[in-house]
């Protein structure tokens, strides 16, 4: 006969409070922790922690995203060209469009 599986203690029984999808927070915080957090807030956020999220910008202008259907053989050609030039597929396609449209 299999042994019953013991459930992990819930956040409530561990003296923690859940706030949305964030990590559980302690029900109380000591004065040292409050002082440390206040000092960190007053010092500001270090530059290395202020990183941009998402994809990097491709230029100074606003960019739009468009979906197009491409046959597999054209995607293979774009990927081969991307590898030769050391570019991403998207950059290769952008360059091809610029070349074609500015003739």
PDB file of N, CA and C in Angstrom:
ATOM      1  N   UNK A   1       0.844  -1.180   0.000  1.00  0.00           N
ATOM      2  CA  UNK A   1       0.000   0.000   0.000  1.00  0.00           C
ATOM      3  C   UNK A   1       0.891   1.246   0.000  1.00  0.00           C
ATOM      4  N   UNK A   2       0.561   2.231  -0.850  1.00  0.00           N
ATOM      5  CA  UNK A   2       1.372   3.444  -0.984  1.00  0.00           C
ATOM      6  C   UNK A   2       1.177   4.347   0.224  1.00  0.00           C
ATOM      7  N   UNK A   3       2.264   5.027   0.608  1.00  0.00           N
ATOM      8  CA  UNK A   3       2.179   5.971   1.715  1.00  0.00           C
ATOM      9  C   UNK A   3       1.452   7.240   1.265  1.00  0.00           C
ATOM     10  N   UNK A   4       0.651   7.837   2.118  1.00  0.00           N
ATOM     11  CA  UNK A   4      -0.016   9.082   1.727  1.00  0.00           C
ATOM     12  C   UNK A   4       1.022  10.194   1.556  1.00  0.00           C
ATOM     13  N   UNK A   5       0.768  11.058   0.598  1.00  0.00           N
ATOM     14  CA  UNK A   5       1.681  12.163   0.316  1.00  0.00           C
ATOM     15  C   UNK A   5       1.345  13.305   1.251  1.00  0.00           C
ATOM     16  N   UNK A   6       2.371  13.808   1.948  1.00  0.00           N
ATOM     17  CA  UNK A   6       2.171  14.910   2.878  1.00  0.00           C
ATOM     18  C   UNK A   6       2.127  16.214   2.096  1.00  0.00           C
ATOM     19  N   UNK A   7       1.090  17.004   2.331  1.00  0.00           N
ATOM     20  CA  UNK A   7       0.960  18.286   1.656  1.00  0.00           C
ATOM     21  C   UNK A   7       1.934  19.288   2.250  1.00  0.00           C
ATOM     22  N   UNK A   8       2.436  20.154   1.391  1.00  0.00           N
ATOM     23  CA  UNK A   8       3.312  21.228   1.852  1.00  0.00           C
ATOM     24  C   UNK A   8       2.468  22.224   2.642  1.00  0.00           C
ATOM     25  N   UNK A   9       3.095  22.834   3.624  1.00  0.00           N
ATOM     26  CA  UNK A   9       2.386  23.827   4.424  1.00  0.00           C
ATOM     27  C   UNK A   9       2.001  24.996   3.537  1.00  0.00           C
ATOM     28  N   UNK A  10       0.804  25.513   3.740  1.00  0.00           N
ATOM     29  CA  UNK A  10       0.355  26.645   2.929  1.00  0.00           C
ATOM     30  C   UNK A  10       1.035  27.918   3.397  1.00  0.00           C
ATOM     31  N   UNK A  11       0.951  28.947   2.579  1.00  0.00           N
ATOM     32  CA  UNK A  11       1.553  30.230   2.928  1.00  0.00           C
ATOM     33  C   UNK A  11       0.940  30.755   4.224  1.00  0.00           C
ATOM     34  N   UNK A  12      -0.341  30.535   4.416  1.00  0.00           N
ATOM     35  CA  UNK A  12      -1.015  31.037   5.615  1.00  0.00           C
ATOM     36  C   UNK A  12      -0.460  30.374   6.875  1.00  0.00           C
ATOM     37  N   UNK A  13      -0.215  29.045   6.803  1.00  0.00           N
ATOM     38  CA  UNK A  13       0.288  28.350   7.985  1.00  0.00           C
ATOM     39  C   UNK A  13       1.758  28.654   8.229  1.00  0.00           C
ATOM     40  N   UNK A  14       2.459  29.189   7.238  1.00  0.00           N
ATOM     41  CA  UNK A  14       3.853  29.549   7.411  1.00  0.00           C
ATOM     42  C   UNK A  14       4.008  31.004   7.839  1.00  0.00           C
ATOM     43  N   UNK A  15       2.915  31.714   8.082  1.00  0.00           N
ATOM     44  CA  UNK A  15       2.982  33.105   8.492  1.00  0.00           C
ATOM     45  C   UNK A  15       3.305  34.044   7.337  1.00  0.00           C
ATOM     46  N   UNK A  16       2.905  33.663   6.096  1.00  0.00           N
ATOM     47  CA  UNK A  16       3.171  34.482   4.926  1.00  0.00           C
ATOM     48  C   UNK A  16       1.858  34.928   4.295  1.00  0.00           C
ATOM     49  N   UNK A  17       1.911  36.046   3.589  1.00  0.00           N
ATOM     50  CA  UNK A  17       0.729  36.582   2.927  1.00  0.00           C
ATOM     51  C   UNK A  17       1.006  36.643   1.434  1.00  0.00           C
ATOM     52  N   UNK A  18       0.087  36.135   0.607  1.00  0.00           N
ATOM     53  CA  UNK A  18       0.245  36.206  -0.852  1.00  0.00           C
ATOM     54  C   UNK A  18      -0.364  37.505  -1.355  1.00  0.00           C
ATOM     55  N   UNK A  19       0.352  38.169  -2.280  1.00  0.00           N
ATOM     56  CA  UNK A  19      -0.151  39.378  -2.913  1.00  0.00           C
ATOM     57  C   UNK A  19      -0.143  39.115  -4.408  1.00  0.00           C
ATOM     58  N   UNK A  20      -1.313  38.846  -4.993  1.00  0.00           N
ATOM     59  CA  UNK A  20      -1.385  38.543  -6.418  1.00  0.00           C
ATOM     60  C   UNK A  20      -0.522  37.348  -6.748  1.00  0.00           C
ATOM     61  N   UNK A  21       0.250  37.458  -7.830  1.00  0.00           N
ATOM     62  CA  UNK A  21       1.135  36.374  -8.266  1.00  0.00           C
ATOM     63  C   UNK A  21       2.555  36.558  -7.744  1.00  0.00           C
ATOM     64  N   UNK A  22       2.750  37.518  -6.850  1.00  0.00           N
ATOM     65  CA  UNK A  22       4.079  37.778  -6.325  1.00  0.00           C
ATOM     66  C   UNK A  22       4.445  36.734  -5.282  1.00  0.00           C
ATOM     67  N   UNK A  23       5.729  36.757  -4.908  1.00  0.00           N
ATOM     68  CA  UNK A  23       6.183  35.856  -3.851  1.00  0.00           C
ATOM     69  C   UNK A  23       5.428  36.183  -2.567  1.00  0.00           C
ATOM     70  N   UNK A  24       5.253  35.207  -1.681  1.00  0.00           N
ATOM     71  CA  UNK A  24       4.593  35.491  -0.415  1.00  0.00           C
ATOM     72  C   UNK A  24       5.418  36.469   0.418  1.00  0.00           C
ATOM     73  N   UNK A  25       4.730  37.339   1.106  1.00  0.00           N
ATOM     74  CA  UNK A  25       5.376  38.336   1.954  1.00  0.00           C
ATOM     75  C   UNK A  25       5.187  37.979   3.417  1.00  0.00           C
ATOM     76  N   UNK A  26       6.137  38.319   4.278  1.00  0.00           N
ATOM     77  CA  UNK A  26       5.946  38.065   5.713  1.00  0.00           C
ATOM     78  C   UNK A  26       4.823  38.931   6.253  1.00  0.00           C
ATOM     79  N   UNK A  27       4.133  38.445   7.289  1.00  0.00           N
ATOM     80  CA  UNK A  27       3.042  39.217   7.889  1.00  0.00           C
ATOM     81  C   UNK A  27       3.582  40.444   8.616  1.00  0.00           C
ATOM     82  N   UNK A  28       4.800  40.359   9.132  1.00  0.00           N
ATOM     83  CA  UNK A  28       5.403  41.508   9.802  1.00  0.00           C
ATOM     84  C   UNK A  28       6.847  41.643   9.364  1.00  0.00           C
ATOM     85  N   UNK A  29       7.371  42.870   9.456  1.00  0.00           N
ATOM     86  CA  UNK A  29       8.744  43.158   9.047  1.00  0.00           C
ATOM     87  C   UNK A  29       9.418  43.872  10.205  1.00  0.00           C
ATOM     88  N   UNK A  30      10.656  43.472  10.527  1.00  0.00           N
ATOM     89  CA  UNK A  30      11.345  44.098  11.652  1.00  0.00           C
ATOM     90  C   UNK A  30      11.913  45.466  11.259  1.00  0.00           C
ATOM     91  N   UNK A  31      12.308  46.234  12.239  1.00  0.00           N
ATOM     92  CA  UNK A  31      12.798  47.598  12.033  1.00  0.00           C
ATOM     93  C   UNK A  31      14.064  47.637  11.183  1.00  0.00           C
ATOM     94  N   UNK A  32      14.947  46.657  11.341  1.00  0.00           N
ATOM     95  CA  UNK A  32      16.176  46.610  10.536  1.00  0.00           C
ATOM     96  C   UNK A  32      15.860  46.471   9.050  1.00  0.00           C
ATOM     97  N   UNK A  33      14.904  45.611   8.735  1.00  0.00           N
ATOM     98  CA  UNK A  33      14.511  45.415   7.339  1.00  0.00           C
ATOM     99  C   UNK A  33      13.901  46.695   6.774  1.00  0.00           C
ATOM    100  N   UNK A  34      13.052  47.344   7.560  1.00  0.00           N
ATOM    101  CA  UNK A  34      12.434  48.600   7.115  1.00  0.00           C
ATOM    102  C   UNK A  34      13.503  49.655   6.865  1.00  0.00           C
ATOM    103  N   UNK A  35      14.465  49.779   7.760  1.00  0.00           N
ATOM    104  CA  UNK A  35      15.547  50.755   7.595  1.00  0.00           C
ATOM    105  C   UNK A  35      16.372  50.471   6.344  1.00  0.00           C
ATOM    106  N   UNK A  36      16.673  49.195   6.112  1.00  0.00           N
ATOM    107  CA  UNK A  36      17.445  48.809   4.929  1.00  0.00           C
ATOM    108  C   UNK A  36      16.679  49.140   3.653  1.00  0.00           C
ATOM    109  N   UNK A  37      15.389  48.837   3.622  1.00  0.00           N
ATOM    110  CA  UNK A  37      14.583  49.105   2.434  1.00  0.00           C
ATOM    111  C   UNK A  37      14.437  50.600   2.176  1.00  0.00           C
ATOM    112  N   UNK A  38      14.285  51.388   3.245  1.00  0.00           N
ATOM    113  CA  UNK A  38      14.192  52.850   3.097  1.00  0.00           C
ATOM    114  C   UNK A  38      15.500  53.397   2.530  1.00  0.00           C
ATOM    115  N   UNK A  39      16.638  52.919   3.037  1.00  0.00           N
ATOM    116  CA  UNK A  39      17.940  53.380   2.550  1.00  0.00           C
ATOM    117  C   UNK A  39      18.117  53.024   1.077  1.00  0.00           C
ATOM    118  N   UNK A  40      17.713  51.809   0.689  1.00  0.00           N
ATOM    119  CA  UNK A  40      17.802  51.399  -0.716  1.00  0.00           C
ATOM    120  C   UNK A  40      16.936  52.288  -1.594  1.00  0.00           C
ATOM    121  N   UNK A  41      15.734  52.609  -1.122  1.00  0.00           N
ATOM    122  CA  UNK A  41      14.823  53.456  -1.900  1.00  0.00           C
ATOM    123  C   UNK A  41      15.380  54.866  -2.046  1.00  0.00           C
ATOM    124  N   UNK A  42      15.971  55.389  -0.992  1.00  0.00           N
ATOM    125  CA  UNK A  42      16.533  56.741  -1.040  1.00  0.00           C
ATOM    126  C   UNK A  42      17.758  56.809  -1.943  1.00  0.00           C
ATOM    127  N   UNK A  43      18.550  55.730  -1.993  1.00  0.00           N
ATOM    128  CA  UNK A  43      19.736  55.695  -2.847  1.00  0.00           C
ATOM    129  C   UNK A  43      19.372  55.585  -4.321  1.00  0.00           C
ATOM    130  N   UNK A  44      18.178  55.130  -4.613  1.00  0.00           N
ATOM    131  CA  UNK A  44      17.759  54.950  -6.005  1.00  0.00           C
ATOM    132  C   UNK A  44      18.113  53.577  -6.514  1.00  0.00           C
ATOM    133  N   UNK A  45      17.668  53.305  -7.717  1.00  0.00           N
ATOM    134  CA  UNK A  45      17.897  51.999  -8.324  1.00  0.00           C
ATOM    135  C   UNK A  45      19.198  52.060  -9.115  1.00  0.00           C
ATOM    136  N   UNK A  46      20.122  51.123  -8.886  1.00  0.00           N
ATOM    137  CA  UNK A  46      21.382  51.117  -9.640  1.00  0.00           C
ATOM    138  C   UNK A  46      21.126  50.959 -11.148  1.00  0.00           C
ATOM    139  N   UNK A  47      21.976  51.582 -11.943  1.00  0.00           N
ATOM    140  CA  UNK A  47      21.811  51.564 -13.397  1.00  0.00           C
ATOM    141  C   UNK A  47      21.753  50.142 -13.953  1.00  0.00           C
ATOM    142  N   UNK A  48      22.536  49.224 -13.379  1.00  0.00           N
ATOM    143  CA  UNK A  48      22.544  47.859 -13.908  1.00  0.00           C
ATOM    144  C   UNK A  48      21.210  47.140 -13.702  1.00  0.00           C
ATOM    145  N   UNK A  49      20.403  47.619 -12.754  1.00  0.00           N
ATOM    146  CA  UNK A  49      19.089  47.014 -12.546  1.00  0.00           C
ATOM    147  C   UNK A  49      18.029  47.652 -13.435  1.00  0.00           C
ATOM    148  N   UNK A  50      18.337  48.812 -14.012  1.00  0.00           N
ATOM    149  CA  UNK A  50      17.397  49.498 -14.896  1.00  0.00           C
ATOM    150  C   UNK A  50      17.633  49.041 -16.332  1.00  0.00           C
ATOM    151  N   UNK A  51      17.248  47.846 -16.627  1.00  0.00           N
ATOM    152  CA  UNK A  51      17.444  47.346 -17.982  1.00  0.00           C
ATOM    153  C   UNK A  51      16.121  47.373 -18.729  1.00  0.00           C
ATOM    154  N   UNK A  52      16.229  47.588 -20.011  1.00  0.00           N
ATOM    155  CA  UNK A  52      15.040  47.593 -20.858  1.00  0.00           C
ATOM    156  C   UNK A  52      14.576  46.161 -21.037  1.00  0.00           C
ATOM    157  N   UNK A  53      13.317  45.997 -21.120  1.00  0.00           N
ATOM    158  CA  UNK A  53      12.758  44.667 -21.326  1.00  0.00           C
ATOM    159  C   UNK A  53      12.201  44.578 -22.740  1.00  0.00           C
ATOM    160  N   UNK A  54      12.075  43.371 -23.232  1.00  0.00           N
ATOM    161  CA  UNK A  54      11.525  43.165 -24.565  1.00  0.00           C
ATOM    162  C   UNK A  54      12.603  43.198 -25.631  1.00  0.00           C
ATOM    163  N   UNK A  55      12.160  43.260 -26.847  1.00  0.00           N
ATOM    164  CA  UNK A  55      13.083  43.256 -27.975  1.00  0.00           C
ATOM    165  C   UNK A  55      13.814  44.582 -28.082  1.00  0.00           C
ATOM    166  N   UNK A  56      15.056  44.553 -28.544  1.00  0.00           N
ATOM    167  CA  UNK A  56      15.779  45.808 -28.725  1.00  0.00           C
ATOM    168  C   UNK A  56      15.185  46.600 -29.884  1.00  0.00           C
ATOM    169  N   UNK A  57      15.295  47.919 -29.819  1.00  0.00           N
ATOM    170  CA  UNK A  57      14.785  48.782 -30.874  1.00  0.00           C
ATOM    171  C   UNK A  57      15.590  48.559 -32.152  1.00  0.00           C
ATOM    172  N   UNK A  58      14.920  48.708 -33.306  1.00  0.00           N
ATOM    173  CA  UNK A  58      15.620  48.536 -34.586  1.00  0.00           C
ATOM    174  C   UNK A  58      15.964  49.879 -35.214  1.00  0.00           C
ATOM    175  N   UNK A  59      15.671  50.952 -34.524  1.00  0.00           N
ATOM    176  CA  UNK A  59      15.987  52.276 -35.045  1.00  0.00           C
ATOM    177  C   UNK A  59      15.372  53.339 -34.163  1.00  0.00           C
ATOM    178  N   UNK A  60      15.511  54.585 -34.580  1.00  0.00           N
ATOM    179  CA  UNK A  60      14.973  55.699 -33.800  1.00  0.00           C
ATOM    180  C   UNK A  60      13.470  55.852 -33.979  1.00  0.00           C
ATOM    181  N   UNK A  61      12.942  55.369 -35.095  1.00  0.00           N
ATOM    182  CA  UNK A  61      11.531  55.544 -35.395  1.00  0.00           C
ATOM    183  C   UNK A  61      10.706  54.421 -34.773  1.00  0.00           C
ATOM    184  N   UNK A  62       9.431  54.701 -34.585  1.00  0.00           N
ATOM    185  CA  UNK A  62       8.521  53.673 -34.081  1.00  0.00           C
ATOM    186  C   UNK A  62       8.432  52.557 -35.116  1.00  0.00           C
ATOM    187  N   UNK A  63       8.315  51.343 -34.671  1.00  0.00           N
ATOM    188  CA  UNK A  63       8.251  50.200 -35.580  1.00  0.00           C
ATOM    189  C   UNK A  63       6.910  49.501 -35.436  1.00  0.00           C
ATOM    190  N   UNK A  64       6.453  48.916 -36.510  1.00  0.00           N
ATOM    191  CA  UNK A  64       5.223  48.126 -36.512  1.00  0.00           C
ATOM    192  C   UNK A  64       5.580  46.693 -36.864  1.00  0.00           C
ATOM    193  N   UNK A  65       4.748  45.789 -36.447  1.00  0.00           N
ATOM    194  CA  UNK A  65       4.943  44.381 -36.744  1.00  0.00           C
ATOM    195  C   UNK A  65       3.899  43.948 -37.758  1.00  0.00           C
ATOM    196  N   UNK A  66       4.340  43.217 -38.775  1.00  0.00           N
ATOM    197  CA  UNK A  66       3.438  42.716 -39.805  1.00  0.00           C
ATOM    198  C   UNK A  66       3.673  41.229 -39.978  1.00  0.00           C
ATOM    199  N   UNK A  67       2.589  40.507 -40.180  1.00  0.00           N
ATOM    200  CA  UNK A  67       2.709  39.071 -40.441  1.00  0.00           C
ATOM    201  C   UNK A  67       2.530  38.837 -41.928  1.00  0.00           C
ATOM    202  N   UNK A  68       3.402  38.033 -42.486  1.00  0.00           N
ATOM    203  CA  UNK A  68       3.284  37.644 -43.890  1.00  0.00           C
ATOM    204  C   UNK A  68       3.499  36.144 -43.987  1.00  0.00           C
ATOM    205  N   UNK A  69       2.889  35.541 -44.987  1.00  0.00           N
ATOM    206  CA  UNK A  69       3.101  34.112 -45.229  1.00  0.00           C
ATOM    207  C   UNK A  69       4.180  33.977 -46.288  1.00  0.00           C
ATOM    208  N   UNK A  70       5.161  33.167 -45.980  1.00  0.00           N
ATOM    209  CA  UNK A  70       6.263  32.941 -46.908  1.00  0.00           C
ATOM    210  C   UNK A  70       6.370  31.455 -47.186  1.00  0.00           C
ATOM    211  N   UNK A  71       6.629  31.081 -48.427  1.00  0.00           N
ATOM    212  CA  UNK A  71       6.835  29.658 -48.711  1.00  0.00           C
ATOM    213  C   UNK A  71       8.118  29.174 -48.028  1.00  0.00           C
ATOM    214  N   UNK A  72       8.134  27.917 -47.681  1.00  0.00           N
ATOM    215  CA  UNK A  72       9.272  27.339 -46.953  1.00  0.00           C
ATOM    216  C   UNK A  72      10.598  27.559 -47.679  1.00  0.00           C
ATOM    217  N   UNK A  73      10.595  27.441 -49.014  1.00  0.00           N
ATOM    218  CA  UNK A  73      11.864  27.593 -49.734  1.00  0.00           C
ATOM    219  C   UNK A  73      12.398  29.018 -49.624  1.00  0.00           C
ATOM    220  N   UNK A  74      11.520  30.011 -49.542  1.00  0.00           N
ATOM    221  CA  UNK A  74      11.962  31.394 -49.378  1.00  0.00           C
ATOM    222  C   UNK A  74      12.522  31.626 -47.970  1.00  0.00           C
ATOM    223  N   UNK A  75      11.912  31.001 -46.975  1.00  0.00           N
ATOM    224  CA  UNK A  75      12.419  31.107 -45.603  1.00  0.00           C
ATOM    225  C   UNK A  75      13.798  30.448 -45.503  1.00  0.00           C
ATOM    226  N   UNK A  76      13.969  29.328 -46.162  1.00  0.00           N
ATOM    227  CA  UNK A  76      15.266  28.642 -46.156  1.00  0.00           C
ATOM    228  C   UNK A  76      16.330  29.537 -46.785  1.00  0.00           C
ATOM    229  N   UNK A  77      15.987  30.182 -47.919  1.00  0.00           N
ATOM    230  CA  UNK A  77      16.933  31.093 -48.567  1.00  0.00           C
ATOM    231  C   UNK A  77      17.271  32.278 -47.654  1.00  0.00           C
ATOM    232  N   UNK A  78      16.255  32.823 -46.993  1.00  0.00           N
ATOM    233  CA  UNK A  78      16.483  33.955 -46.077  1.00  0.00           C
ATOM    234  C   UNK A  78      17.380  33.518 -44.923  1.00  0.00           C
ATOM    235  N   UNK A  79      17.150  32.324 -44.400  1.00  0.00           N
ATOM    236  CA  UNK A  79      17.978  31.826 -43.297  1.00  0.00           C
ATOM    237  C   UNK A  79      19.421  31.591 -43.729  1.00  0.00           C
ATOM    238  N   UNK A  80      19.607  31.064 -44.934  1.00  0.00           N
ATOM    239  CA  UNK A  80      20.973  30.858 -45.438  1.00  0.00           C
ATOM    240  C   UNK A  80      21.685  32.195 -45.597  1.00  0.00           C
ATOM    241  N   UNK A  81      20.973  33.193 -46.157  1.00  0.00           N
ATOM    242  CA  UNK A  81      21.566  34.517 -46.336  1.00  0.00           C
ATOM    243  C   UNK A  81      21.870  35.145 -44.975  1.00  0.00           C
ATOM    244  N   UNK A  82      20.971  34.960 -44.014  1.00  0.00           N
ATOM    245  CA  UNK A  82      21.179  35.488 -42.662  1.00  0.00           C
ATOM    246  C   UNK A  82      22.441  34.919 -42.045  1.00  0.00           C
ATOM    247  N   UNK A  83      22.655  33.626 -42.241  1.00  0.00           N
ATOM    248  CA  UNK A  83      23.841  32.977 -41.683  1.00  0.00           C
ATOM    249  C   UNK A  83      25.112  33.510 -42.341  1.00  0.00           C
ATOM    250  N   UNK A  84      25.067  33.689 -43.656  1.00  0.00           N
ATOM    251  CA  UNK A  84      26.225  34.213 -44.386  1.00  0.00           C
ATOM    252  C   UNK A  84      26.587  35.610 -43.894  1.00  0.00           C
ATOM    253  N   UNK A  85      25.550  36.464 -43.729  1.00  0.00           N
ATOM    254  CA  UNK A  85      25.777  37.861 -43.344  1.00  0.00           C
ATOM    255  C   UNK A  85      25.878  38.055 -41.834  1.00  0.00           C
ATOM    256  N   UNK A  86      25.582  37.018 -41.054  1.00  0.00           N
ATOM    257  CA  UNK A  86      25.613  37.143 -39.594  1.00  0.00           C
ATOM    258  C   UNK A  86      24.491  38.021 -39.070  1.00  0.00           C
ATOM    259  N   UNK A  87      23.335  37.922 -39.695  1.00  0.00           N
ATOM    260  CA  UNK A  87      22.172  38.734 -39.319  1.00  0.00           C
ATOM    261  C   UNK A  87      21.022  37.843 -38.870  1.00  0.00           C
ATOM    262  N   UNK A  88      20.035  38.462 -38.286  1.00  0.00           N
ATOM    263  CA  UNK A  88      18.816  37.724 -37.962  1.00  0.00           C
ATOM    264  C   UNK A  88      17.963  37.606 -39.219  1.00  0.00           C
ATOM    265  N   UNK A  89      17.012  36.694 -39.182  1.00  0.00           N
ATOM    266  CA  UNK A  89      16.089  36.543 -40.301  1.00  0.00           C
ATOM    267  C   UNK A  89      15.336  37.848 -40.542  1.00  0.00           C
ATOM    268  N   UNK A  90      14.869  38.479 -39.466  1.00  0.00           N
ATOM    269  CA  UNK A  90      14.116  39.723 -39.605  1.00  0.00           C
ATOM    270  C   UNK A  90      14.928  40.824 -40.263  1.00  0.00           C
ATOM    271  N   UNK A  91      16.196  40.954 -39.862  1.00  0.00           N
ATOM    272  CA  UNK A  91      17.055  41.990 -40.460  1.00  0.00           C
ATOM    273  C   UNK A  91      17.305  41.692 -41.928  1.00  0.00           C
ATOM    274  N   UNK A  92      17.487  40.437 -42.275  1.00  0.00           N
ATOM    275  CA  UNK A  92      17.682  40.063 -43.678  1.00  0.00           C
ATOM    276  C   UNK A  92      16.447  40.428 -44.503  1.00  0.00           C
ATOM    277  N   UNK A  93      15.281  40.132 -43.989  1.00  0.00           N
ATOM    278  CA  UNK A  93      14.039  40.447 -44.704  1.00  0.00           C
ATOM    279  C   UNK A  93      13.861  41.960 -44.815  1.00  0.00           C
ATOM    280  N   UNK A  94      14.170  42.703 -43.728  1.00  0.00           N
ATOM    281  CA  UNK A  94      14.075  44.174 -43.802  1.00  0.00           C
ATOM    282  C   UNK A  94      14.998  44.718 -44.887  1.00  0.00           C
ATOM    283  N   UNK A  95      16.239  44.224 -44.918  1.00  0.00           N
ATOM    284  CA  UNK A  95      17.204  44.698 -45.919  1.00  0.00           C
ATOM    285  C   UNK A  95      16.749  44.349 -47.334  1.00  0.00           C
ATOM    286  N   UNK A  96      16.187  43.154 -47.517  1.00  0.00           N
ATOM    287  CA  UNK A  96      15.698  42.754 -48.841  1.00  0.00           C
ATOM    288  C   UNK A  96      14.557  43.667 -49.286  1.00  0.00           C
ATOM    289  N   UNK A  97      13.659  44.001 -48.384  1.00  0.00           N
ATOM    290  CA  UNK A  97      12.548  44.904 -48.719  1.00  0.00           C
ATOM    291  C   UNK A  97      13.055  46.295 -49.068  1.00  0.00           C
ATOM    292  N   UNK A  98      14.010  46.787 -48.287  1.00  0.00           N
ATOM    293  CA  UNK A  98      14.565  48.115 -48.577  1.00  0.00           C
ATOM    294  C   UNK A  98      15.219  48.117 -49.956  1.00  0.00           C
ATOM    295  N   UNK A  99      15.996  47.093 -50.250  1.00  0.00           N
ATOM    296  CA  UNK A  99      16.672  46.980 -51.551  1.00  0.00           C
ATOM    297  C   UNK A  99      15.656  46.968 -52.682  1.00  0.00           C
ATOM    298  N   UNK A 100      14.621  46.163 -52.540  1.00  0.00           N
ATOM    299  CA  UNK A 100      13.606  46.023 -53.592  1.00  0.00           C
ATOM    300  C   UNK A 100      12.792  47.310 -53.769  1.00  0.00           C
ATOM    301  N   UNK A 101      12.399  47.919 -52.654  1.00  0.00           N
ATOM    302  CA  UNK A 101      11.506  49.077 -52.729  1.00  0.00           C
ATOM    303  C   UNK A 101      12.203  50.391 -53.045  1.00  0.00           C
ATOM    304  N   UNK A 102      13.529  50.432 -52.957  1.00  0.00           N
ATOM    305  CA  UNK A 102      14.232  51.689 -53.234  1.00  0.00           C
ATOM    306  C   UNK A 102      15.006  51.636 -54.548  1.00  0.00           C
ATOM    307  N   UNK A 103      14.719  50.667 -55.411  1.00  0.00           N
ATOM    308  CA  UNK A 103      15.390  50.592 -56.726  1.00  0.00           C
ATOM    309  C   UNK A 103      14.979  51.774 -57.567  1.00  0.00           C
TER     310      UNK A 103
END
